[in-house]
PDB file of all heavy atoms in Angstrom:
ATOM      1  N   TYR A   1     -21.888 103.483  74.019  1.00  0.00           N
ATOM      2  CA  TYR A   1     -22.980 102.996  73.176  1.00  0.00           C
ATOM      3  C   TYR A   1     -24.021 102.262  74.028  1.00  0.00           C
ATOM      4  O   TYR A   1     -23.675 101.401  74.838  1.00  0.00           O
ATOM      5  CB  TYR A   1     -22.446 102.057  72.102  1.00  0.00           C
ATOM      6  CG  TYR A   1     -21.287 102.631  71.317  1.00  0.00           C
ATOM      7  CD1 TYR A   1     -20.040 102.008  71.339  1.00  0.00           C
ATOM      8  CD2 TYR A   1     -21.435 103.797  70.569  1.00  0.00           C
ATOM      9  CE1 TYR A   1     -18.973 102.542  70.639  1.00  0.00           C
ATOM     10  CE2 TYR A   1     -20.368 104.325  69.871  1.00  0.00           C
ATOM     11  CZ  TYR A   1     -19.140 103.703  69.907  1.00  0.00           C
ATOM     12  OH  TYR A   1     -18.087 104.235  69.223  1.00  0.00           O
ATOM     13  N   LYS A   2     -25.271 102.592  73.822  1.00  0.00           N
ATOM     14  CA  LYS A   2     -26.349 101.947  74.575  1.00  0.00           C
ATOM     15  C   LYS A   2     -26.765 100.621  73.946  1.00  0.00           C
ATOM     16  O   LYS A   2     -27.189  99.702  74.642  1.00  0.00           O
ATOM     17  CB  LYS A   2     -27.557 102.883  74.663  1.00  0.00           C
ATOM     18  CG  LYS A   2     -27.294 104.138  75.485  1.00  0.00           C
ATOM     19  CD  LYS A   2     -28.520 105.027  75.541  1.00  0.00           C
ATOM     20  CE  LYS A   2     -28.247 106.279  76.379  1.00  0.00           C
ATOM     21  NZ  LYS A   2     -29.423 107.176  76.421  1.00  0.00           N
ATOM     22  N   LYS A   3     -26.656 100.540  72.630  1.00  0.00           N
ATOM     23  CA  LYS A   3     -27.090  99.327  71.924  1.00  0.00           C
ATOM     24  C   LYS A   3     -25.968  98.843  71.007  1.00  0.00           C
ATOM     25  O   LYS A   3     -25.483  99.601  70.165  1.00  0.00           O
ATOM     26  CB  LYS A   3     -28.356  99.608  71.105  1.00  0.00           C
ATOM     27  CG  LYS A   3     -29.560  99.993  71.941  1.00  0.00           C
ATOM     28  CD  LYS A   3     -30.670 100.569  71.100  1.00  0.00           C
ATOM     29  CE  LYS A   3     -31.294  99.540  70.172  1.00  0.00           C
ATOM     30  NZ  LYS A   3     -32.439 100.101  69.400  1.00  0.00           N
ATOM     31  N   VAL A   4     -25.569  97.590  71.196  1.00  0.00           N
ATOM     32  CA  VAL A   4     -24.529  96.983  70.363  1.00  0.00           C
ATOM     33  C   VAL A   4     -25.153  95.841  69.571  1.00  0.00           C
ATOM     34  O   VAL A   4     -25.764  94.932  70.149  1.00  0.00           O
ATOM     35  CB  VAL A   4     -23.360  96.452  71.217  1.00  0.00           C
ATOM     36  CG1 VAL A   4     -22.318  95.776  70.330  1.00  0.00           C
ATOM     37  CG2 VAL A   4     -22.722  97.587  72.026  1.00  0.00           C
ATOM     38  N   GLY A   5     -25.049  95.904  68.267  1.00  0.00           N
ATOM     39  CA  GLY A   5     -25.580  94.851  67.403  1.00  0.00           C
ATOM     40  C   GLY A   5     -24.462  94.006  66.832  1.00  0.00           C
ATOM     41  O   GLY A   5     -23.294  94.442  66.779  1.00  0.00           O
ATOM     42  N   TYR A   6     -24.810  92.793  66.409  1.00  0.00           N
ATOM     43  CA  TYR A   6     -23.794  91.851  65.916  1.00  0.00           C
ATOM     44  C   TYR A   6     -24.407  91.052  64.772  1.00  0.00           C
ATOM     45  O   TYR A   6     -25.455  90.441  64.930  1.00  0.00           O
ATOM     46  CB  TYR A   6     -23.390  90.912  67.058  1.00  0.00           C
ATOM     47  CG  TYR A   6     -22.061  90.193  66.904  1.00  0.00           C
ATOM     48  CD1 TYR A   6     -21.170  90.111  67.971  1.00  0.00           C
ATOM     49  CD2 TYR A   6     -21.699  89.572  65.715  1.00  0.00           C
ATOM     50  CE1 TYR A   6     -19.958  89.436  67.859  1.00  0.00           C
ATOM     51  CE2 TYR A   6     -20.491  88.909  65.593  1.00  0.00           C
ATOM     52  CZ  TYR A   6     -19.630  88.841  66.665  1.00  0.00           C
ATOM     53  OH  TYR A   6     -18.429  88.180  66.541  1.00  0.00           O
ATOM     54  N   ILE A   7     -23.737  91.056  63.625  1.00  0.00           N
ATOM     55  CA  ILE A   7     -24.117  90.167  62.516  1.00  0.00           C
ATOM     56  C   ILE A   7     -23.039  89.091  62.432  1.00  0.00           C
ATOM     57  O   ILE A   7     -21.885  89.370  62.118  1.00  0.00           O
ATOM     58  CB  ILE A   7     -24.223  90.919  61.177  1.00  0.00           C
ATOM     59  CG1 ILE A   7     -25.218  92.079  61.279  1.00  0.00           C
ATOM     60  CG2 ILE A   7     -24.678  89.947  60.075  1.00  0.00           C
ATOM     61  CD1 ILE A   7     -25.286  92.934  60.029  1.00  0.00           C
ATOM     62  N   PHE A   8     -23.432  87.856  62.729  1.00  0.00           N
ATOM     63  CA  PHE A   8     -22.499  86.738  62.744  1.00  0.00           C
ATOM     64  C   PHE A   8     -22.303  86.177  61.332  1.00  0.00           C
ATOM     65  O   PHE A   8     -23.042  86.513  60.398  1.00  0.00           O
ATOM     66  CB  PHE A   8     -23.019  85.629  63.663  1.00  0.00           C
ATOM     67  CG  PHE A   8     -23.139  86.042  65.112  1.00  0.00           C
ATOM     68  CD1 PHE A   8     -24.309  86.620  65.592  1.00  0.00           C
ATOM     69  CD2 PHE A   8     -22.083  85.854  65.992  1.00  0.00           C
ATOM     70  CE1 PHE A   8     -24.417  87.002  66.924  1.00  0.00           C
ATOM     71  CE2 PHE A   8     -22.186  86.225  67.322  1.00  0.00           C
ATOM     72  CZ  PHE A   8     -23.360  86.809  67.793  1.00  0.00           C
ATOM     73  N   GLN A   9     -21.331  85.294  61.199  1.00  0.00           N
ATOM     74  CA  GLN A   9     -21.102  84.641  59.912  1.00  0.00           C
ATOM     75  C   GLN A   9     -22.264  83.735  59.524  1.00  0.00           C
ATOM     76  O   GLN A   9     -22.532  83.528  58.350  1.00  0.00           O
ATOM     77  CB  GLN A   9     -19.815  83.814  59.964  1.00  0.00           C
ATOM     78  CG  GLN A   9     -18.549  84.632  60.051  1.00  0.00           C
ATOM     79  CD  GLN A   9     -17.297  83.777  60.007  1.00  0.00           C
ATOM     80  OE1 GLN A   9     -17.311  82.681  59.449  1.00  0.00           O
ATOM     81  NE2 GLN A   9     -16.217  84.256  60.591  1.00  0.00           N
ATOM     82  N   GLU A  10     -22.946  83.178  60.531  1.00  0.00           N
ATOM     83  CA  GLU A  10     -24.098  82.314  60.269  1.00  0.00           C
ATOM     84  C   GLU A  10     -25.358  83.017  60.772  1.00  0.00           C
ATOM     85  O   GLU A  10     -25.289  83.857  61.667  1.00  0.00           O
ATOM     86  CB  GLU A  10     -23.924  80.948  60.937  1.00  0.00           C
ATOM     87  CG  GLU A  10     -23.894  80.967  62.453  1.00  0.00           C
ATOM     88  CD  GLU A  10     -22.579  81.452  63.037  1.00  0.00           C
ATOM     89  OE1 GLU A  10     -21.560  81.470  62.314  1.00  0.00           O
ATOM     90  OE2 GLU A  10     -22.590  81.828  64.228  1.00  0.00           O
ATOM     91  N   PRO A  11     -26.539  82.689  60.213  1.00  0.00           N
ATOM     92  CA  PRO A  11     -27.757  83.468  60.470  1.00  0.00           C
ATOM     93  C   PRO A  11     -28.263  83.486  61.917  1.00  0.00           C
ATOM     94  O   PRO A  11     -28.723  84.505  62.400  1.00  0.00           O
ATOM     95  CB  PRO A  11     -28.794  82.815  59.549  1.00  0.00           C
ATOM     96  CG  PRO A  11     -27.999  82.151  58.488  1.00  0.00           C
ATOM     97  CD  PRO A  11     -26.740  81.701  59.151  1.00  0.00           C
ATOM     98  N   ARG A  12     -28.243  82.358  62.613  1.00  0.00           N
ATOM     99  CA  ARG A  12     -28.728  82.287  63.995  1.00  0.00           C
ATOM    100  C   ARG A  12     -30.170  82.776  64.134  1.00  0.00           C
ATOM    101  O   ARG A  12     -30.486  83.604  65.007  1.00  0.00           O
ATOM    102  CB  ARG A  12     -27.805  83.062  64.940  1.00  0.00           C
ATOM    103  CG  ARG A  12     -26.367  82.564  64.913  1.00  0.00           C
ATOM    104  CD  ARG A  12     -25.538  83.090  66.062  1.00  0.00           C
ATOM    105  NE  ARG A  12     -24.165  82.610  65.997  1.00  0.00           N
ATOM    106  CZ  ARG A  12     -23.271  82.718  66.959  1.00  0.00           C
ATOM    107  NH1 ARG A  12     -23.599  83.307  68.096  1.00  0.00           N
ATOM    108  NH2 ARG A  12     -22.042  82.238  66.813  1.00  0.00           N
ATOM    109  N   LEU A  13     -31.043  82.276  63.282  1.00  0.00           N
ATOM    110  CA  LEU A  13     -32.460  82.629  63.344  1.00  0.00           C
ATOM    111  C   LEU A  13     -33.208  81.673  64.260  1.00  0.00           C
ATOM    112  O   LEU A  13     -32.799  80.535  64.461  1.00  0.00           O
ATOM    113  CB  LEU A  13     -33.088  82.594  61.945  1.00  0.00           C
ATOM    114  CG  LEU A  13     -32.455  83.494  60.877  1.00  0.00           C
ATOM    115  CD1 LEU A  13     -33.179  83.314  59.553  1.00  0.00           C
ATOM    116  CD2 LEU A  13     -32.459  84.957  61.313  1.00  0.00           C
ATOM    117  N   PHE A  14     -34.341  82.133  64.794  1.00  0.00           N
ATOM    118  CA  PHE A  14     -35.214  81.265  65.566  1.00  0.00           C
ATOM    119  C   PHE A  14     -36.041  80.430  64.592  1.00  0.00           C
ATOM    120  O   PHE A  14     -36.828  80.992  63.817  1.00  0.00           O
ATOM    121  CB  PHE A  14     -36.138  82.083  66.468  1.00  0.00           C
ATOM    122  CG  PHE A  14     -35.403  82.872  67.519  1.00  0.00           C
ATOM    123  CD1 PHE A  14     -35.402  84.264  67.483  1.00  0.00           C
ATOM    124  CD2 PHE A  14     -34.723  82.232  68.535  1.00  0.00           C
ATOM    125  CE1 PHE A  14     -34.733  84.993  68.450  1.00  0.00           C
ATOM    126  CE2 PHE A  14     -34.051  82.955  69.514  1.00  0.00           C
ATOM    127  CZ  PHE A  14     -34.051  84.337  69.472  1.00  0.00           C
ATOM    128  N   PRO A  15     -35.896  79.110  64.590  1.00  0.00           N
ATOM    129  CA  PRO A  15     -36.565  78.278  63.579  1.00  0.00           C
ATOM    130  C   PRO A  15     -38.079  78.272  63.683  1.00  0.00           C
ATOM    131  O   PRO A  15     -38.766  77.989  62.697  1.00  0.00           O
ATOM    132  CB  PRO A  15     -35.989  76.876  63.815  1.00  0.00           C
ATOM    133  CG  PRO A  15     -35.513  76.896  65.227  1.00  0.00           C
ATOM    134  CD  PRO A  15     -35.058  78.296  65.492  1.00  0.00           C
ATOM    135  N   TRP A  16     -38.616  78.571  64.846  1.00  0.00           N
ATOM    136  CA  TRP A  16     -40.074  78.538  65.031  1.00  0.00           C
ATOM    137  C   TRP A  16     -40.735  79.879  64.686  1.00  0.00           C
ATOM    138  O   TRP A  16     -41.935  80.024  64.791  1.00  0.00           O
ATOM    139  CB  TRP A  16     -40.406  78.166  66.476  1.00  0.00           C
ATOM    140  CG  TRP A  16     -39.843  79.113  67.503  1.00  0.00           C
ATOM    141  CD1 TRP A  16     -40.416  80.265  67.969  1.00  0.00           C
ATOM    142  CD2 TRP A  16     -38.588  78.995  68.166  1.00  0.00           C
ATOM    143  NE1 TRP A  16     -39.597  80.879  68.879  1.00  0.00           N
ATOM    144  CE2 TRP A  16     -38.467  80.113  69.029  1.00  0.00           C
ATOM    145  CE3 TRP A  16     -37.551  78.054  68.122  1.00  0.00           C
ATOM    146  CZ2 TRP A  16     -37.346  80.313  69.832  1.00  0.00           C
ATOM    147  CZ3 TRP A  16     -36.449  78.265  68.927  1.00  0.00           C
ATOM    148  CH2 TRP A  16     -36.353  79.370  69.772  1.00  0.00           C
ATOM    149  N   MET A  17     -39.942  80.859  64.273  1.00  0.00           N
ATOM    150  CA  MET A  17     -40.468  82.168  63.900  1.00  0.00           C
ATOM    151  C   MET A  17     -40.348  82.380  62.402  1.00  0.00           C
ATOM    152  O   MET A  17     -39.410  81.899  61.766  1.00  0.00           O
ATOM    153  CB  MET A  17     -39.698  83.289  64.612  1.00  0.00           C
ATOM    154  CG  MET A  17     -39.908  83.388  66.091  1.00  0.00           C
ATOM    155  SD  MET A  17     -38.993  84.829  66.757  1.00  0.00           S
ATOM    156  CE  MET A  17     -39.492  84.778  68.467  1.00  0.00           C
ATOM    157  N   THR A  18     -41.290  83.129  61.830  1.00  0.00           N
ATOM    158  CA  THR A  18     -41.187  83.504  60.421  1.00  0.00           C
ATOM    159  C   THR A  18     -40.050  84.508  60.254  1.00  0.00           C
ATOM    160  O   THR A  18     -39.508  85.033  61.235  1.00  0.00           O
ATOM    161  CB  THR A  18     -42.491  84.145  59.920  1.00  0.00           C
ATOM    162  OG1 THR A  18     -42.695  85.386  60.636  1.00  0.00           O
ATOM    163  CG2 THR A  18     -43.678  83.219  60.118  1.00  0.00           C
ATOM    164  N   ALA A  19     -39.717  84.780  59.001  1.00  0.00           N
ATOM    165  CA  ALA A  19     -38.664  85.764  58.730  1.00  0.00           C
ATOM    166  C   ALA A  19     -39.000  87.102  59.373  1.00  0.00           C
ATOM    167  O   ALA A  19     -38.150  87.726  60.020  1.00  0.00           O
ATOM    168  CB  ALA A  19     -38.480  85.919  57.223  1.00  0.00           C
ATOM    169  N   LEU A  20     -40.256  87.543  59.206  1.00  0.00           N
ATOM    170  CA  LEU A  20     -40.653  88.832  59.775  1.00  0.00           C
ATOM    171  C   LEU A  20     -40.611  88.788  61.297  1.00  0.00           C
ATOM    172  O   LEU A  20     -40.148  89.736  61.942  1.00  0.00           O
ATOM    173  CB  LEU A  20     -42.054  89.212  59.294  1.00  0.00           C
ATOM    174  CG  LEU A  20     -42.580  90.560  59.807  1.00  0.00           C
ATOM    175  CD1 LEU A  20     -41.638  91.696  59.420  1.00  0.00           C
ATOM    176  CD2 LEU A  20     -43.988  90.821  59.281  1.00  0.00           C
ATOM    177  N   GLU A  21     -41.069  87.714  61.890  1.00  0.00           N
ATOM    178  CA  GLU A  21     -41.040  87.599  63.354  1.00  0.00           C
ATOM    179  C   GLU A  21     -39.615  87.614  63.886  1.00  0.00           C
ATOM    180  O   GLU A  21     -39.357  88.156  64.964  1.00  0.00           O
ATOM    181  CB  GLU A  21     -41.771  86.327  63.789  1.00  0.00           C
ATOM    182  CG  GLU A  21     -43.283  86.401  63.613  1.00  0.00           C
ATOM    183  CD  GLU A  21     -43.970  85.058  63.807  1.00  0.00           C
ATOM    184  OE1 GLU A  21     -43.281  84.009  63.743  1.00  0.00           O
ATOM    185  OE2 GLU A  21     -45.197  85.053  64.000  1.00  0.00           O
ATOM    186  N   ASN A  22     -38.672  87.039  63.137  1.00  0.00           N
ATOM    187  CA  ASN A  22     -37.269  87.072  63.543  1.00  0.00           C
ATOM    188  C   ASN A  22     -36.740  88.506  63.576  1.00  0.00           C
ATOM    189  O   ASN A  22     -35.911  88.841  64.430  1.00  0.00           O
ATOM    190  CB  ASN A  22     -36.412  86.224  62.603  1.00  0.00           C
ATOM    191  CG  ASN A  22     -36.217  84.803  63.094  1.00  0.00           C
ATOM    192  OD1 ASN A  22     -35.397  84.550  63.970  1.00  0.00           O
ATOM    193  ND2 ASN A  22     -36.989  83.871  62.547  1.00  0.00           N
ATOM    194  N   VAL A  23     -37.212  89.326  62.652  1.00  0.00           N
ATOM    195  CA  VAL A  23     -36.788  90.726  62.641  1.00  0.00           C
ATOM    196  C   VAL A  23     -37.525  91.516  63.716  1.00  0.00           C
ATOM    197  O   VAL A  23     -36.933  92.340  64.429  1.00  0.00           O
ATOM    198  CB  VAL A  23     -37.019  91.357  61.245  1.00  0.00           C
ATOM    199  CG1 VAL A  23     -36.598  92.830  61.243  1.00  0.00           C
ATOM    200  CG2 VAL A  23     -36.248  90.588  60.175  1.00  0.00           C
ATOM    201  N   GLU A  24     -38.809  91.239  63.881  1.00  0.00           N
ATOM    202  CA  GLU A  24     -39.618  91.965  64.863  1.00  0.00           C
ATOM    203  C   GLU A  24     -39.172  91.724  66.301  1.00  0.00           C
ATOM    204  O   GLU A  24     -39.413  92.571  67.168  1.00  0.00           O
ATOM    205  CB  GLU A  24     -41.088  91.555  64.739  1.00  0.00           C
ATOM    206  CG  GLU A  24     -41.784  92.092  63.504  1.00  0.00           C
ATOM    207  CD  GLU A  24     -43.211  91.580  63.392  1.00  0.00           C
ATOM    208  OE1 GLU A  24     -43.547  90.563  64.038  1.00  0.00           O
ATOM    209  OE2 GLU A  24     -43.995  92.206  62.642  1.00  0.00           O
ATOM    210  N   CYS A  25     -38.518  90.613  66.560  1.00  0.00           N
ATOM    211  CA  CYS A  25     -38.170  90.272  67.940  1.00  0.00           C
ATOM    212  C   CYS A  25     -37.153  91.229  68.552  1.00  0.00           C
ATOM    213  O   CYS A  25     -36.960  91.231  69.769  1.00  0.00           O
ATOM    214  CB  CYS A  25     -37.695  88.823  68.047  1.00  0.00           C
ATOM    215  SG  CYS A  25     -36.060  88.513  67.359  1.00  0.00           S
ATOM    216  N   VAL A  26     -36.499  92.052  67.727  1.00  0.00           N
ATOM    217  CA  VAL A  26     -35.549  93.036  68.263  1.00  0.00           C
ATOM    218  C   VAL A  26     -36.061  94.465  68.088  1.00  0.00           C
ATOM    219  O   VAL A  26     -35.360  95.424  68.408  1.00  0.00           O
ATOM    220  CB  VAL A  26     -34.167  92.921  67.581  1.00  0.00           C
ATOM    221  CG1 VAL A  26     -33.581  91.539  67.780  1.00  0.00           C
ATOM    222  CG2 VAL A  26     -34.243  93.276  66.093  1.00  0.00           C
ATOM    223  N   CYS A  27     -37.293  94.588  67.580  1.00  0.00           N
ATOM    224  CA  CYS A  27     -37.792  95.905  67.181  1.00  0.00           C
ATOM    225  C   CYS A  27     -39.274  96.008  67.518  1.00  0.00           C
ATOM    226  O   CYS A  27     -40.083  95.203  67.039  1.00  0.00           O
ATOM    227  CB  CYS A  27     -37.551  96.082  65.680  1.00  0.00           C
ATOM    228  SG  CYS A  27     -38.254  97.563  64.964  1.00  0.00           S
ATOM    229  N   ASP A  28     -39.642  96.985  68.319  1.00  0.00           N
ATOM    230  CA  ASP A  28     -41.052  97.156  68.698  1.00  0.00           C
ATOM    231  C   ASP A  28     -41.902  97.714  67.562  1.00  0.00           C
ATOM    232  O   ASP A  28     -43.119  97.544  67.554  1.00  0.00           O
ATOM    233  CB  ASP A  28     -41.162  98.092  69.912  1.00  0.00           C
ATOM    234  CG  ASP A  28     -40.562  97.480  71.159  1.00  0.00           C
ATOM    235  OD1 ASP A  28     -40.580  96.237  71.267  1.00  0.00           O
ATOM    236  OD2 ASP A  28     -40.073  98.243  72.016  1.00  0.00           O
ATOM    237  N   ASP A  29     -41.258  98.378  66.621  1.00  0.00           N
ATOM    238  CA  ASP A  29     -41.970  98.995  65.498  1.00  0.00           C
ATOM    239  C   ASP A  29     -42.107  97.973  64.370  1.00  0.00           C
ATOM    240  O   ASP A  29     -41.170  97.722  63.624  1.00  0.00           O
ATOM    241  CB  ASP A  29     -41.186 100.223  65.027  1.00  0.00           C
ATOM    242  CG  ASP A  29     -41.936 101.031  63.974  1.00  0.00           C
ATOM    243  OD1 ASP A  29     -42.786 100.451  63.268  1.00  0.00           O
ATOM    244  OD2 ASP A  29     -41.643 102.231  63.844  1.00  0.00           O
ATOM    245  N   LYS A  30     -43.291  97.386  64.240  1.00  0.00           N
ATOM    246  CA  LYS A  30     -43.493  96.322  63.250  1.00  0.00           C
ATOM    247  C   LYS A  30     -43.368  96.834  61.821  1.00  0.00           C
ATOM    248  O   LYS A  30     -42.901  96.111  60.933  1.00  0.00           O
ATOM    249  CB  LYS A  30     -44.849  95.659  63.466  1.00  0.00           C
ATOM    250  CG  LYS A  30     -44.932  94.884  64.775  1.00  0.00           C
ATOM    251  CD  LYS A  30     -46.195  94.058  64.865  1.00  0.00           C
ATOM    252  CE  LYS A  30     -46.185  93.212  66.148  1.00  0.00           C
ATOM    253  NZ  LYS A  30     -47.360  92.330  66.251  1.00  0.00           N
ATOM    254  N   GLN A  31     -43.771  98.069  61.586  1.00  0.00           N
ATOM    255  CA  GLN A  31     -43.652  98.631  60.244  1.00  0.00           C
ATOM    256  C   GLN A  31     -42.185  98.793  59.866  1.00  0.00           C
ATOM    257  O   GLN A  31     -41.775  98.493  58.749  1.00  0.00           O
ATOM    258  CB  GLN A  31     -44.364  99.981  60.170  1.00  0.00           C
ATOM    259  CG  GLN A  31     -44.324 100.649  58.798  1.00  0.00           C
ATOM    260  CD  GLN A  31     -44.935  99.778  57.698  1.00  0.00           C
ATOM    261  OE1 GLN A  31     -45.908  99.054  57.929  1.00  0.00           O
ATOM    262  NE2 GLN A  31     -44.351  99.849  56.495  1.00  0.00           N
ATOM    263  N   LYS A  32     -41.387  99.252  60.819  1.00  0.00           N
ATOM    264  CA  LYS A  32     -39.953  99.406  60.580  1.00  0.00           C
ATOM    265  C   LYS A  32     -39.316  98.047  60.292  1.00  0.00           C
ATOM    266  O   LYS A  32     -38.491  97.912  59.384  1.00  0.00           O
ATOM    267  CB  LYS A  32     -39.288 100.040  61.800  1.00  0.00           C
ATOM    268  CG  LYS A  32     -37.800 100.319  61.614  1.00  0.00           C
ATOM    269  CD  LYS A  32     -37.121 100.595  62.944  1.00  0.00           C
ATOM    270  CE  LYS A  32     -37.674 101.819  63.616  1.00  0.00           C
ATOM    271  NZ  LYS A  32     -37.013 102.061  64.931  1.00  0.00           N
ATOM    272  N   ALA A  33     -39.696  97.027  61.060  1.00  0.00           N
ATOM    273  CA  ALA A  33     -39.158  95.683  60.858  1.00  0.00           C
ATOM    274  C   ALA A  33     -39.476  95.187  59.453  1.00  0.00           C
ATOM    275  O   ALA A  33     -38.616  94.606  58.767  1.00  0.00           O
ATOM    276  CB  ALA A  33     -39.725  94.731  61.898  1.00  0.00           C
ATOM    277  N   ARG A  34     -40.701  95.413  59.015  1.00  0.00           N
ATOM    278  CA  ARG A  34     -41.099  94.972  57.672  1.00  0.00           C
ATOM    279  C   ARG A  34     -40.323  95.715  56.597  1.00  0.00           C
ATOM    280  O   ARG A  34     -39.928  95.140  55.581  1.00  0.00           O
ATOM    281  CB  ARG A  34     -42.607  95.173  57.488  1.00  0.00           C
ATOM    282  CG  ARG A  34     -43.160  94.603  56.185  1.00  0.00           C
ATOM    283  CD  ARG A  34     -44.669  94.773  56.106  1.00  0.00           C
ATOM    284  NE  ARG A  34     -45.355  93.911  57.050  1.00  0.00           N
ATOM    285  CZ  ARG A  34     -45.696  92.647  56.791  1.00  0.00           C
ATOM    286  NH1 ARG A  34     -45.388  92.107  55.611  1.00  0.00           N
ATOM    287  NH2 ARG A  34     -46.344  91.936  57.687  1.00  0.00           N
ATOM    288  N   GLU A  35     -40.090  97.002  56.811  1.00  0.00           N
ATOM    289  CA  GLU A  35     -39.357  97.796  55.825  1.00  0.00           C
ATOM    290  C   GLU A  35     -37.922  97.290  55.665  1.00  0.00           C
ATOM    291  O   GLU A  35     -37.421  97.177  54.540  1.00  0.00           O
ATOM    292  CB  GLU A  35     -39.359  99.270  56.251  1.00  0.00           C
ATOM    293  CG  GLU A  35     -40.713  99.940  56.079  1.00  0.00           C
ATOM    294  CD  GLU A  35     -40.753 101.335  56.665  1.00  0.00           C
ATOM    295  OE1 GLU A  35     -39.715 101.782  57.230  1.00  0.00           O
ATOM    296  OE2 GLU A  35     -41.819 101.978  56.588  1.00  0.00           O
ATOM    297  N   TYR A  36     -37.255  96.986  56.785  1.00  0.00           N
ATOM    298  CA  TYR A  36     -35.889  96.475  56.700  1.00  0.00           C
ATOM    299  C   TYR A  36     -35.853  95.114  55.998  1.00  0.00           C
ATOM    300  O   TYR A  36     -34.972  94.843  55.179  1.00  0.00           O
ATOM    301  CB  TYR A  36     -35.275  96.363  58.093  1.00  0.00           C
ATOM    302  CG  TYR A  36     -34.713  97.668  58.612  1.00  0.00           C
ATOM    303  CD1 TYR A  36     -35.253  98.282  59.736  1.00  0.00           C
ATOM    304  CD2 TYR A  36     -33.624  98.280  57.992  1.00  0.00           C
ATOM    305  CE1 TYR A  36     -34.733  99.489  60.221  1.00  0.00           C
ATOM    306  CE2 TYR A  36     -33.104  99.475  58.469  1.00  0.00           C
ATOM    307  CZ  TYR A  36     -33.666 100.069  59.578  1.00  0.00           C
ATOM    308  OH  TYR A  36     -33.140 101.256  60.051  1.00  0.00           O
ATOM    309  N   LEU A  37     -36.811  94.261  56.326  1.00  0.00           N
ATOM    310  CA  LEU A  37     -36.857  92.947  55.685  1.00  0.00           C
ATOM    311  C   LEU A  37     -37.115  93.084  54.190  1.00  0.00           C
ATOM    312  O   LEU A  37     -36.474  92.405  53.374  1.00  0.00           O
ATOM    313  CB  LEU A  37     -37.932  92.072  56.331  1.00  0.00           C
ATOM    314  CG  LEU A  37     -38.038  90.647  55.782  1.00  0.00           C
ATOM    315  CD1 LEU A  37     -36.739  89.877  55.985  1.00  0.00           C
ATOM    316  CD2 LEU A  37     -39.196  89.900  56.451  1.00  0.00           C
ATOM    317  N   ASN A  38     -38.023  93.972  53.815  1.00  0.00           N
ATOM    318  CA  ASN A  38     -38.336  94.162  52.397  1.00  0.00           C
ATOM    319  C   ASN A  38     -37.153  94.725  51.617  1.00  0.00           C
ATOM    320  O   ASN A  38     -37.002  94.453  50.421  1.00  0.00           O
ATOM    321  CB  ASN A  38     -39.548  95.084  52.238  1.00  0.00           C
ATOM    322  CG  ASN A  38     -40.858  94.380  52.561  1.00  0.00           C
ATOM    323  OD1 ASN A  38     -40.934  93.149  52.520  1.00  0.00           O
ATOM    324  ND2 ASN A  38     -41.876  95.150  52.884  1.00  0.00           N
ATOM    325  N   LEU A  39     -36.313  95.506  52.290  1.00  0.00           N
ATOM    326  CA  LEU A  39     -35.115  96.030  51.638  1.00  0.00           C
ATOM    327  C   LEU A  39     -34.155  94.914  51.246  1.00  0.00           C
ATOM    328  O   LEU A  39     -33.509  94.966  50.201  1.00  0.00           O
ATOM    329  CB  LEU A  39     -34.389  96.999  52.581  1.00  0.00           C
ATOM    330  CG  LEU A  39     -34.812  98.466  52.581  1.00  0.00           C
ATOM    331  CD1 LEU A  39     -34.059  99.211  53.680  1.00  0.00           C
ATOM    332  CD2 LEU A  39     -34.562  99.114  51.231  1.00  0.00           C
ATOM    333  N   LEU A  40     -34.074  93.890  52.098  1.00  0.00           N
ATOM    334  CA  LEU A  40     -33.067  92.848  51.914  1.00  0.00           C
ATOM    335  C   LEU A  40     -33.626  91.544  51.368  1.00  0.00           C
ATOM    336  O   LEU A  40     -32.912  90.800  50.686  1.00  0.00           O
ATOM    337  CB  LEU A  40     -32.355  92.593  53.252  1.00  0.00           C
ATOM    338  CG  LEU A  40     -31.465  93.761  53.680  1.00  0.00           C
ATOM    339  CD1 LEU A  40     -31.202  93.738  55.169  1.00  0.00           C
ATOM    340  CD2 LEU A  40     -30.153  93.719  52.913  1.00  0.00           C
ATOM    341  N   LEU A  41     -34.879  91.232  51.676  1.00  0.00           N
ATOM    342  CA  LEU A  41     -35.464  89.982  51.203  1.00  0.00           C
ATOM    343  C   LEU A  41     -36.975  90.143  51.075  1.00  0.00           C
ATOM    344  O   LEU A  41     -37.743  89.701  51.940  1.00  0.00           O
ATOM    345  CB  LEU A  41     -35.135  88.825  52.173  1.00  0.00           C
ATOM    346  CG  LEU A  41     -35.446  87.415  51.668  1.00  0.00           C
ATOM    347  CD1 LEU A  41     -34.573  87.061  50.467  1.00  0.00           C
ATOM    348  CD2 LEU A  41     -35.245  86.393  52.779  1.00  0.00           C
ATOM    349  N   PRO A  42     -37.430  90.792  50.002  1.00  0.00           N
ATOM    350  CA  PRO A  42     -38.870  91.008  49.826  1.00  0.00           C
ATOM    351  C   PRO A  42     -39.620  89.692  49.607  1.00  0.00           C
ATOM    352  O   PRO A  42     -39.035  88.682  49.222  1.00  0.00           O
ATOM    353  CB  PRO A  42     -38.937  91.905  48.584  1.00  0.00           C
ATOM    354  CG  PRO A  42     -37.653  91.669  47.856  1.00  0.00           C
ATOM    355  CD  PRO A  42     -36.636  91.374  48.913  1.00  0.00           C
ATOM    356  N   ASP A  43     -40.917  89.722  49.889  1.00  0.00           N
ATOM    357  CA  ASP A  43     -41.804  88.568  49.672  1.00  0.00           C
ATOM    358  C   ASP A  43     -41.394  87.342  50.485  1.00  0.00           C
ATOM    359  O   ASP A  43     -41.537  86.212  50.037  1.00  0.00           O
ATOM    360  CB  ASP A  43     -41.860  88.199  48.176  1.00  0.00           C
ATOM    361  CG  ASP A  43     -42.272  89.375  47.299  1.00  0.00           C
ATOM    362  OD1 ASP A  43     -43.193  90.100  47.699  1.00  0.00           O
ATOM    363  OD2 ASP A  43     -41.665  89.567  46.243  1.00  0.00           O
ATOM    364  N   SER A  44     -40.879  87.575  51.676  1.00  0.00           N
ATOM    365  CA  SER A  44     -40.443  86.444  52.499  1.00  0.00           C
ATOM    366  C   SER A  44     -40.976  86.507  53.924  1.00  0.00           C
ATOM    367  O   SER A  44     -40.631  85.665  54.749  1.00  0.00           O
ATOM    368  CB  SER A  44     -38.912  86.397  52.559  1.00  0.00           C
ATOM    369  OG  SER A  44     -38.429  87.558  53.217  1.00  0.00           O
ATOM    370  N   ALA A  45     -41.813  87.485  54.203  1.00  0.00           N
ATOM    371  CA  ALA A  45     -42.233  87.757  55.581  1.00  0.00           C
ATOM    372  C   ALA A  45     -42.814  86.534  56.280  1.00  0.00           C
ATOM    373  O   ALA A  45     -42.549  86.303  57.461  1.00  0.00           O
ATOM    374  CB  ALA A  45     -43.237  88.905  55.608  1.00  0.00           C
TER     375      ALA A  45
END
């Protein structure tokens, strides 16, 4: 496997980043990042 992802029991978000920026930091495609966030937590970007 080239890429291994991990979802921990606790969120481990960067406090100085918005919700969308936290998702974008692992993904170069900003539209894709927004789509995943909207699937799980809309209106929170």
